[in-house]
Every structure is written in C-alpha cells, then in structure tokens.
C-alpha cells in the first residue's frame, strides 16, 4: 500500500453552478477540503453530480474507516474481547450513510 498524499479531510461538497455565455445556469458541485479537491462533470445530470460529490467528499472518512476495520479484523480475537468490532460496525455504518446520503 502506498502513502499517497492527498488533501487532508474532512471534505465537504457544495452546489456551485456557473453561468454559460448565453446566461443559462449550469449545475455543478465542488468538493473542498483544506483546498479545492475537484469539480463534478457538468455534462452529467444534477442528481448524479450530487451523488458523486457526496461520495468523493466522504472519501477520507471511508479510507480511515476501512483502515480501522482492516486493523480490527487483522486481530479479530483481541478486537472481539475489547468490543472494537461493535465500534467498527457503528463507525462504518455512519460513514456509509454519509456517502450514500441516507440510511443503508
């Protein structure tokens, strides 16, 4: 596994439309952390753009949660004794709900 650098989390997304030359509002979303992370593709439907932006904004938490879950499962016996599995499941559910935009 590499230790690739990325913009530190947390990341948030926001609706950030722009105006075309003919004055039409074009829907778009931006994802920001400490700095701007990315824009969505304005050629996609607005609902799809928002779902993509929500998923991208959850990426740092998804990564940390997956890493935590991996470490817990690596030593399952000890983790079960310390009740880390319950915590990992709750944390995983919360982050997945954030990424999905609702209950899983």
C-alpha atoms as a PDB file:
ATOM      1  CA  UNK A   1       0.000   0.000   0.000  1.00  0.00           C
ATOM      2  CA  UNK A   2       1.346   3.422  -0.890  1.00  0.00           C
ATOM      3  CA  UNK A   3       1.199   6.506   1.287  1.00  0.00           C
ATOM      4  CA  UNK A   4      -0.027   8.838  -1.452  1.00  0.00           C
ATOM      5  CA  UNK A   5      -0.540  12.397  -0.308  1.00  0.00           C
ATOM      6  CA  UNK A   6      -3.989  13.890  -0.650  1.00  0.00           C
ATOM      7  CA  UNK A   7      -5.819  16.968   0.547  1.00  0.00           C
ATOM      8  CA  UNK A   8      -6.476  16.446   4.255  1.00  0.00           C
ATOM      9  CA  UNK A   9     -10.064  15.724   5.313  1.00  0.00           C
ATOM     10  CA  UNK A  10     -12.685  16.395   6.217  1.00  0.00           C
ATOM     11  CA  UNK A  11     -14.079  17.157   2.792  1.00  0.00           C
ATOM     12  CA  UNK A  12     -17.395  18.836   2.097  1.00  0.00           C
ATOM     13  CA  UNK A  13     -19.300  19.383  -1.108  1.00  0.00           C
ATOM     14  CA  UNK A  14     -21.391  22.328  -2.194  1.00  0.00           C
ATOM     15  CA  UNK A  15     -23.593  23.283  -5.082  1.00  0.00           C
ATOM     16  CA  UNK A  16     -21.559  25.642  -7.237  1.00  0.00           C
ATOM     17  CA  UNK A  17     -23.301  26.390 -10.538  1.00  0.00           C
ATOM     18  CA  UNK A  18     -21.815  28.619 -13.162  1.00  0.00           C
ATOM     19  CA  UNK A  19     -23.375  30.742 -15.856  1.00  0.00           C
ATOM     20  CA  UNK A  20     -22.832  29.931 -19.510  1.00  0.00           C
ATOM     21  CA  UNK A  21     -22.186  32.636 -22.101  1.00  0.00           C
ATOM     22  CA  UNK A  22     -25.888  32.674 -23.010  1.00  0.00           C
ATOM     23  CA  UNK A  23     -26.842  33.293 -19.349  1.00  0.00           C
ATOM     24  CA  UNK A  24     -28.017  29.759 -18.589  1.00  0.00           C
ATOM     25  CA  UNK A  25     -27.202  28.360 -15.118  1.00  0.00           C
ATOM     26  CA  UNK A  26     -25.216  25.129 -15.432  1.00  0.00           C
ATOM     27  CA  UNK A  27     -25.464  22.892 -12.340  1.00  0.00           C
ATOM     28  CA  UNK A  28     -22.162  21.793 -10.837  1.00  0.00           C
ATOM     29  CA  UNK A  29     -20.731  20.789  -7.468  1.00  0.00           C
ATOM     30  CA  UNK A  30     -17.336  21.381  -5.868  1.00  0.00           C
ATOM     31  CA  UNK A  31     -15.596  19.274  -3.238  1.00  0.00           C
ATOM     32  CA  UNK A  32     -13.377  21.119  -0.776  1.00  0.00           C
ATOM     33  CA  UNK A  33     -11.034  20.123   1.986  1.00  0.00           C
ATOM     34  CA  UNK A  34      -8.299  22.439   3.090  1.00  0.00           C
ATOM     35  CA  UNK A  35      -8.189  23.293  -0.613  1.00  0.00           C
ATOM     36  CA  UNK A  36     -10.455  22.582  -3.562  1.00  0.00           C
ATOM     37  CA  UNK A  37     -10.361  18.856  -4.304  1.00  0.00           C
ATOM     38  CA  UNK A  38     -12.421  18.614  -7.500  1.00  0.00           C
ATOM     39  CA  UNK A  39     -15.463  19.666  -9.511  1.00  0.00           C
ATOM     40  CA  UNK A  40     -18.178  17.414 -10.846  1.00  0.00           C
ATOM     41  CA  UNK A  41     -18.746  16.869 -14.549  1.00  0.00           C
ATOM     42  CA  UNK A  42     -21.411  19.387 -15.570  1.00  0.00           C
ATOM     43  CA  UNK A  43     -22.354  17.166 -18.509  1.00  0.00           C
ATOM     44  CA  UNK A  44     -23.977  14.682 -16.111  1.00  0.00           C
ATOM     45  CA  UNK A  45     -27.459  15.065 -14.570  1.00  0.00           C
ATOM     46  CA  UNK A  46     -27.528  17.216 -11.434  1.00  0.00           C
ATOM     47  CA  UNK A  47     -28.672  14.318  -9.208  1.00  0.00           C
ATOM     48  CA  UNK A  48     -25.778  12.174 -10.400  1.00  0.00           C
ATOM     49  CA  UNK A  49     -23.328  15.026  -9.871  1.00  0.00           C
ATOM     50  CA  UNK A  50     -24.533  15.465  -6.295  1.00  0.00           C
ATOM     51  CA  UNK A  51     -24.275  11.726  -5.566  1.00  0.00           C
ATOM     52  CA  UNK A  52     -20.724  11.717  -6.977  1.00  0.00           C
ATOM     53  CA  UNK A  53     -19.770  14.807  -4.963  1.00  0.00           C
ATOM     54  CA  UNK A  54     -21.193  13.249  -1.777  1.00  0.00           C
ATOM     55  CA  UNK A  55     -19.201  10.050  -2.354  1.00  0.00           C
ATOM     56  CA  UNK A  56     -15.998  11.952  -3.112  1.00  0.00           C
ATOM     57  CA  UNK A  57     -16.468  14.158  -0.026  1.00  0.00           C
ATOM     58  CA  UNK A  58     -16.749  11.036   2.142  1.00  0.00           C
ATOM     59  CA  UNK A  59     -13.541   9.516   0.703  1.00  0.00           C
ATOM     60  CA  UNK A  60     -11.160  10.487   3.541  1.00  0.00           C
ATOM     61  CA  UNK A  61     -13.551   9.080   6.173  1.00  0.00           C
ATOM     62  CA  UNK A  62     -14.221   5.980   4.080  1.00  0.00           C
ATOM     63  CA  UNK A  63     -10.476   5.382   3.830  1.00  0.00           C
ATOM     64  CA  UNK A  64      -9.888   5.831   7.570  1.00  0.00           C
ATOM     65  CA  UNK A  65     -12.845   3.621   8.440  1.00  0.00           C
ATOM     66  CA  UNK A  66     -11.702   0.888   6.074  1.00  0.00           C
ATOM     67  CA  UNK A  67      -8.192   1.041   7.545  1.00  0.00           C
ATOM     68  CA  UNK A  68      -9.623   0.847  11.098  1.00  0.00           C
ATOM     69  CA  UNK A  69     -11.837  -2.099  10.126  1.00  0.00           C
ATOM     70  CA  UNK A  70      -8.884  -3.858   8.472  1.00  0.00           C
ATOM     71  CA  UNK A  71      -6.775  -3.491  11.622  1.00  0.00           C
ATOM     72  CA  UNK A  72      -9.581  -4.813  13.792  1.00  0.00           C
ATOM     73  CA  UNK A  73     -10.150  -7.825  11.577  1.00  0.00           C
ATOM     74  CA  UNK A  74      -6.405  -8.485  11.494  1.00  0.00           C
ATOM     75  CA  UNK A  75      -6.576  -9.399  15.191  1.00  0.00           C
ATOM     76  CA  UNK A  76     -10.210 -10.437  15.439  1.00  0.00           C
ATOM     77  CA  UNK A  77      -9.886 -12.357  18.724  1.00  0.00           C
ATOM     78  CA  UNK A  78      -8.421  -9.418  20.631  1.00  0.00           C
ATOM     79  CA  UNK A  79     -10.749  -6.936  18.958  1.00  0.00           C
ATOM     80  CA  UNK A  80     -13.791  -9.008  19.925  1.00  0.00           C
ATOM     81  CA  UNK A  81     -12.667  -9.119  23.570  1.00  0.00           C
ATOM     82  CA  UNK A  82     -12.216  -5.335  23.618  1.00  0.00           C
ATOM     83  CA  UNK A  83     -15.560  -4.705  21.838  1.00  0.00           C
ATOM     84  CA  UNK A  84     -13.803  -2.901  18.983  1.00  0.00           C
ATOM     85  CA  UNK A  85     -15.951  -4.740  16.449  1.00  0.00           C
ATOM     86  CA  UNK A  86     -19.141  -3.068  17.673  1.00  0.00           C
ATOM     87  CA  UNK A  87     -17.448   0.325  17.390  1.00  0.00           C
ATOM     88  CA  UNK A  88     -16.101  -0.501  13.916  1.00  0.00           C
ATOM     89  CA  UNK A  89     -19.534  -1.566  12.686  1.00  0.00           C
ATOM     90  CA  UNK A  90     -21.180   1.620  14.017  1.00  0.00           C
ATOM     91  CA  UNK A  91     -18.484   3.830  12.514  1.00  0.00           C
ATOM     92  CA  UNK A  92     -18.691   2.008   9.187  1.00  0.00           C
ATOM     93  CA  UNK A  93     -22.477   2.388   9.092  1.00  0.00           C
ATOM     94  CA  UNK A  94     -22.219   6.140   9.817  1.00  0.00           C
ATOM     95  CA  UNK A  95     -19.672   6.768   7.077  1.00  0.00           C
ATOM     96  CA  UNK A  96     -21.560   4.666   4.532  1.00  0.00           C
ATOM     97  CA  UNK A  97     -24.753   6.583   5.305  1.00  0.00           C
ATOM     98  CA  UNK A  98     -22.899   9.859   4.776  1.00  0.00           C
ATOM     99  CA  UNK A  99     -21.508   8.646   1.454  1.00  0.00           C
ATOM    100  CA  UNK A 100     -24.891   7.332   0.319  1.00  0.00           C
ATOM    101  CA  UNK A 101     -26.902  10.297   1.558  1.00  0.00           C
ATOM    102  CA  UNK A 102     -29.207   8.243   3.762  1.00  0.00           C
ATOM    103  CA  UNK A 103     -29.712   5.017   5.646  1.00  0.00           C
ATOM    104  CA  UNK A 104     -28.116   1.861   4.308  1.00  0.00           C
END
